Protein backbone atom coordinates (compact mmCIF):
# COMPACT_ATOMS: atom_id res chain seq x y z
CA UNK A 1 164.25 66.23 129.25
CA UNK A 2 165.59 69.07 127.21
CA UNK A 3 166.21 71.36 130.29
CA UNK A 4 167.99 68.53 132.07
CA UNK A 5 170.39 67.90 129.22
CA UNK A 6 170.89 71.49 128.30
CA UNK A 7 171.02 73.02 131.83
CA UNK A 8 171.76 70.37 134.57
CA UNK A 9 174.05 67.81 132.48
CA UNK A 10 175.16 69.60 129.57
CA UNK A 11 177.45 67.73 127.26
CA UNK A 12 176.10 64.40 128.48
CA UNK A 13 173.37 63.71 125.99
CA UNK A 14 173.21 61.15 123.52
CA UNK A 15 171.22 61.60 120.10
CA UNK A 16 168.69 58.88 119.55
CA UNK A 17 167.02 57.92 116.28
CA UNK A 18 164.58 60.71 115.66
CA UNK A 19 162.35 58.32 113.41
CA UNK A 20 161.80 56.35 116.65
CA UNK A 21 162.12 58.60 119.66
CA UNK A 22 159.95 61.64 119.68
CA UNK A 23 159.05 60.70 116.09
CA UNK A 24 157.62 63.49 114.08
CA UNK A 25 157.11 61.08 111.14
CA UNK A 26 158.13 63.75 108.50
CA UNK A 27 160.90 64.03 105.82
CA UNK A 28 164.20 64.61 107.85
CA UNK A 29 166.39 65.76 105.10
CA UNK A 30 167.12 69.22 104.10
CA UNK A 31 169.33 70.23 101.13
CA UNK A 32 170.43 66.68 100.72
CA UNK A 33 171.46 66.16 104.34
CA UNK A 34 169.78 64.39 107.33
CA UNK A 35 168.92 66.68 110.37
CA UNK A 36 172.16 65.11 112.11
CA UNK A 37 174.38 66.28 109.07
CA UNK A 38 174.69 62.71 107.93
CA UNK A 39 174.28 61.95 104.25
CA UNK A 40 171.93 58.94 104.70
CA UNK A 41 169.43 58.29 107.23
CA UNK A 42 166.18 56.34 107.84
CA UNK A 43 162.99 57.69 105.99
CA UNK A 44 160.91 58.69 109.03
CA UNK A 45 157.89 58.85 106.81
CA UNK A 46 158.06 55.06 106.35
CA UNK A 47 159.14 53.92 109.86
CA UNK A 48 156.86 51.06 111.14
CA UNK A 49 154.57 52.12 113.95
CA UNK A 50 155.69 49.28 115.92
CA UNK A 51 159.24 50.53 115.91
CA UNK A 52 158.36 53.91 117.15
CA UNK A 53 158.88 54.29 121.07
CA UNK A 54 157.21 57.71 121.40
CA UNK A 55 155.50 60.21 118.89
CA UNK A 56 155.63 63.93 118.62
CA UNK A 57 152.46 64.98 117.02
CA UNK A 58 153.51 68.08 114.91
CA UNK A 59 153.74 67.23 111.25
CA UNK A 60 151.02 64.41 111.61
CA UNK A 61 148.88 66.96 113.57
CA UNK A 62 147.43 66.58 117.05
CA UNK A 63 145.17 63.58 117.38
CA UNK A 64 142.44 65.71 119.13
CA UNK A 65 142.23 67.89 115.98
CA UNK A 66 140.56 65.23 113.97
CA UNK A 67 142.36 66.46 110.81
CA UNK A 68 142.64 63.94 108.14
CA UNK A 69 142.41 66.13 104.92
CA UNK A 70 145.37 66.04 102.66
CA UNK A 71 146.94 69.11 101.32
CA UNK A 72 146.57 67.56 97.98
CA UNK A 73 142.80 66.91 98.22
CA UNK A 74 141.42 68.91 95.30
CA UNK A 75 138.26 69.68 97.69
CA UNK A 76 140.37 70.71 100.56
CA UNK A 77 139.44 74.38 101.79
CA UNK A 78 141.58 74.33 104.90
CA UNK A 79 145.00 76.20 105.44
CA UNK A 80 148.07 73.78 105.40
CA UNK A 81 148.19 74.21 109.34
CA UNK A 82 144.81 72.58 109.34
CA UNK A 83 145.64 69.86 106.82
CA UNK A 84 147.82 66.81 106.49
CA UNK A 85 151.19 68.17 104.60
CA UNK A 86 151.48 65.05 102.42
CA UNK A 87 154.64 66.63 100.89
CA UNK A 88 156.43 65.86 104.07
CA UNK A 89 154.55 63.00 105.54
CA UNK A 90 153.09 59.65 104.71
CA UNK A 91 149.23 60.12 105.29
CA UNK A 92 148.40 56.36 106.03
CA UNK A 93 151.51 56.22 108.57
CA UNK A 94 150.26 59.48 110.38
CA UNK A 95 146.79 58.30 110.61
CA UNK A 96 148.13 55.05 112.02
CA UNK A 97 150.14 56.79 114.71
CA UNK A 98 147.16 58.99 115.62
CA UNK A 99 145.07 55.79 115.98
CA UNK A 100 147.56 54.66 118.68
CA UNK A 101 146.70 57.83 120.77
CA UNK A 102 143.00 57.19 120.26
CA UNK A 103 143.57 53.55 121.28
CA UNK A 104 145.05 54.93 124.60
CA UNK A 105 141.96 57.16 125.05
CA UNK A 106 139.74 54.07 124.39
CA UNK A 107 141.56 52.10 126.96
CA UNK A 108 141.08 54.98 129.59
CA UNK A 109 137.19 55.11 128.64
CA UNK A 110 136.81 51.46 128.97
CA UNK A 111 138.47 51.15 132.45
CA UNK A 112 136.78 54.29 133.56
CA UNK A 113 133.46 53.04 132.63
CA UNK A 114 134.23 49.62 134.23
CA UNK A 115 135.21 51.38 137.54
CA UNK A 116 132.26 53.91 137.63
CA UNK A 117 129.48 52.52 135.34
CA UNK A 118 128.85 56.22 134.35
CA UNK A 119 127.19 55.73 130.87
CA UNK A 120 128.34 59.36 129.91
CA UNK A 121 131.81 58.13 129.69
CA UNK A 122 130.85 56.15 126.50
CA UNK A 123 129.20 59.09 124.88
CA UNK A 124 132.83 60.32 123.81
CA UNK A 125 132.76 57.46 121.41
CA UNK A 126 129.72 58.51 119.42
CA UNK A 127 131.57 60.11 116.48
CA UNK A 128 131.39 58.40 113.04
CA UNK A 129 134.04 60.56 111.21
CA UNK A 130 136.93 58.26 110.02
CA UNK A 131 136.18 55.83 112.89
CA UNK A 132 138.74 53.55 111.63
CA UNK A 133 141.35 55.98 112.78
CA UNK A 134 139.62 58.17 115.38
CA UNK A 135 137.72 55.33 117.01
CA UNK A 136 134.61 57.31 117.51
CA UNK A 137 136.20 60.36 119.06
CA UNK A 138 135.58 62.55 116.05
CA UNK A 139 132.28 63.75 114.31
CA UNK A 140 133.96 65.76 111.58
CA UNK A 141 137.34 67.00 110.38
CA UNK A 142 139.08 69.76 112.39
CA UNK A 143 139.10 70.52 116.17
CA UNK A 144 135.38 71.39 116.26
CA UNK A 145 134.64 67.64 115.24
CA UNK A 146 136.51 66.29 118.37
CA UNK A 147 134.23 64.72 120.86
CA UNK A 148 135.67 65.35 124.60
CA UNK A 149 135.99 62.68 127.02
CA UNK A 150 132.67 62.17 128.61
CA UNK A 151 131.81 61.57 132.37
CA UNK A 152 130.44 63.49 135.20
CA UNK A 153 132.73 65.66 137.56
CA UNK A 154 132.58 62.75 140.06
CA UNK A 155 133.75 60.30 137.44
CA UNK A 156 136.55 62.51 136.15
CA UNK A 157 137.88 62.70 139.90
CA UNK A 158 138.24 58.91 139.83
CA UNK A 159 140.66 58.71 136.86
CA UNK A 160 143.77 58.61 139.35
CA UNK A 161 142.33 55.20 140.81
CA UNK A 162 143.10 53.60 137.27
CA UNK A 163 146.68 54.30 137.64
CA UNK A 164 147.59 53.49 141.19
C-alpha cells in the first residue's frame, strides 16, 4: 500500500484514522500534538476492539511472541522490547487484540483438522500460559513459549484448500 501511494499514485492518498486502520493501539500524541499535527484526537489506547479494522502489532507486541509481562511488573526481568510497554499502551486492550489473532489461528486449526483429521494439528493448542488470551498457543512468556502450528507436511500442503 505504501509503495502504491508513494510511488505509483503520489498525492492521491487519504489519511485514515490510525486508531482504527493499521492500529498500533499506542499513545498517538507527542509534545501535546497528535501524529497528524492536530491538537485533539482519539485515544488509541482505548479504542474498542470492535471498532478496529486492522491491527499493526508493534507496541502491543507480535501475537506469536507470547509476551504479556508488563514493563511495570516488579518481577519483570525482560527488556522493554520483550515486555508490554504500559506507559504507552493499555495492557488489557492489547491482550484483547492479540486474542483476535489467536482466534484466527484457532479457526485455521479447526478447519484444517476437520479437513484432514490429522490429530497433530490440535497439538498446537496444548499451552496453558494465559490461555484466556493466547488460546492454548503459548506455554510460557516470550517467543520460546510459542507453540507452532501442528500438522504433518501433507496436512500443511492442504491449507490452500481451506481458502478456495
